[in-house]
């Protein structure tokens, strides 16, 4: 149980920056539109 939990936490820590980058890349045009309007 603890092993799978630690592995899941490690995977989450590895995936967090990637997910954040994807969200930023997806929202960037919307942020630009809001900034210019």
N, C-alpha and C. Protein backbone atom coordinates (compact mmCIF):
# COMPACT_ATOMS: atom_id res chain seq x y z
N UNK A 1 0.85 -1.20 0.00
CA UNK A 1 0.00 0.00 0.00
C UNK A 1 0.88 1.25 0.00
N UNK A 2 1.86 1.26 0.91
CA UNK A 2 2.72 2.43 1.00
C UNK A 2 3.60 2.56 -0.25
N UNK A 3 4.00 1.42 -0.82
CA UNK A 3 4.83 1.47 -2.03
C UNK A 3 4.06 2.08 -3.19
N UNK A 4 2.82 1.62 -3.39
CA UNK A 4 2.02 2.15 -4.50
C UNK A 4 1.72 3.63 -4.26
N UNK A 5 1.52 4.01 -3.00
CA UNK A 5 1.24 5.41 -2.69
C UNK A 5 2.45 6.27 -3.00
N UNK A 6 3.65 5.80 -2.62
CA UNK A 6 4.86 6.57 -2.88
C UNK A 6 5.11 6.66 -4.38
N UNK A 7 4.85 5.57 -5.10
CA UNK A 7 5.02 5.60 -6.55
C UNK A 7 4.04 6.58 -7.18
N UNK A 8 2.82 6.60 -6.66
CA UNK A 8 1.80 7.51 -7.19
C UNK A 8 2.19 8.97 -6.90
N UNK A 9 2.74 9.22 -5.73
CA UNK A 9 3.19 10.57 -5.38
C UNK A 9 4.34 10.98 -6.29
N UNK A 10 5.27 10.06 -6.54
CA UNK A 10 6.40 10.36 -7.42
C UNK A 10 5.92 10.66 -8.83
N UNK A 11 4.97 9.87 -9.30
CA UNK A 11 4.43 10.10 -10.64
C UNK A 11 3.71 11.44 -10.70
N UNK A 12 2.99 11.79 -9.64
CA UNK A 12 2.28 13.07 -9.61
C UNK A 12 3.28 14.22 -9.63
N UNK A 13 4.37 14.09 -8.88
CA UNK A 13 5.39 15.15 -8.85
C UNK A 13 6.04 15.29 -10.22
N UNK A 14 6.20 14.17 -10.94
CA UNK A 14 6.80 14.24 -12.27
C UNK A 14 5.82 14.81 -13.29
N UNK A 15 4.53 14.50 -13.11
CA UNK A 15 3.53 14.94 -14.09
C UNK A 15 3.07 16.37 -13.85
N UNK A 16 3.19 16.87 -12.62
CA UNK A 16 2.68 18.20 -12.29
C UNK A 16 3.26 19.28 -13.20
N UNK A 17 4.60 19.37 -13.39
CA UNK A 17 5.14 20.41 -14.28
C UNK A 17 4.64 20.26 -15.71
N UNK A 18 4.51 19.02 -16.19
CA UNK A 18 4.04 18.79 -17.55
C UNK A 18 2.59 19.25 -17.70
N UNK A 19 1.75 18.90 -16.74
CA UNK A 19 0.35 19.33 -16.79
C UNK A 19 0.25 20.84 -16.70
N UNK A 20 1.08 21.46 -15.85
CA UNK A 20 1.06 22.91 -15.72
C UNK A 20 1.47 23.56 -17.03
N UNK A 21 2.48 22.99 -17.69
CA UNK A 21 2.93 23.52 -18.98
C UNK A 21 1.83 23.39 -20.03
N UNK A 22 1.15 22.24 -20.05
CA UNK A 22 0.08 22.04 -21.02
C UNK A 22 -1.06 23.02 -20.78
N UNK A 23 -1.41 23.23 -19.51
CA UNK A 23 -2.49 24.17 -19.19
C UNK A 23 -2.10 25.58 -19.61
N UNK A 24 -0.85 25.98 -19.34
CA UNK A 24 -0.38 27.31 -19.73
C UNK A 24 -0.39 27.45 -21.25
N UNK A 25 0.09 26.43 -21.95
CA UNK A 25 0.14 26.49 -23.41
C UNK A 25 -1.28 26.59 -23.99
N UNK A 26 -2.25 25.92 -23.34
CA UNK A 26 -3.63 25.95 -23.83
C UNK A 26 -4.30 27.28 -23.52
N UNK A 27 -3.98 27.86 -22.35
CA UNK A 27 -4.67 29.08 -21.91
C UNK A 27 -3.97 30.34 -22.40
N UNK A 28 -2.73 30.21 -22.93
CA UNK A 28 -1.96 31.40 -23.31
C UNK A 28 -2.70 32.30 -24.30
N UNK A 29 -3.30 31.77 -25.39
CA UNK A 29 -4.04 32.64 -26.34
C UNK A 29 -5.20 33.36 -25.65
N UNK A 30 -5.90 32.67 -24.75
CA UNK A 30 -7.02 33.30 -24.04
C UNK A 30 -6.51 34.42 -23.15
N UNK A 31 -5.36 34.20 -22.50
CA UNK A 31 -4.77 35.25 -21.67
C UNK A 31 -4.38 36.44 -22.53
N UNK A 32 -3.85 36.17 -23.72
CA UNK A 32 -3.47 37.25 -24.62
C UNK A 32 -4.69 38.05 -25.08
N UNK A 33 -5.78 37.35 -25.40
CA UNK A 33 -7.01 38.03 -25.83
C UNK A 33 -7.54 38.92 -24.70
N UNK A 34 -7.54 38.38 -23.49
CA UNK A 34 -8.03 39.16 -22.34
C UNK A 34 -7.12 40.36 -22.11
N UNK A 35 -5.82 40.17 -22.29
CA UNK A 35 -4.87 41.26 -22.05
C UNK A 35 -5.05 42.37 -23.09
N UNK A 36 -5.29 41.99 -24.34
CA UNK A 36 -5.39 42.99 -25.41
C UNK A 36 -6.75 43.68 -25.44
N UNK A 37 -7.79 42.98 -25.01
CA UNK A 37 -9.14 43.56 -25.08
C UNK A 37 -9.40 44.55 -23.95
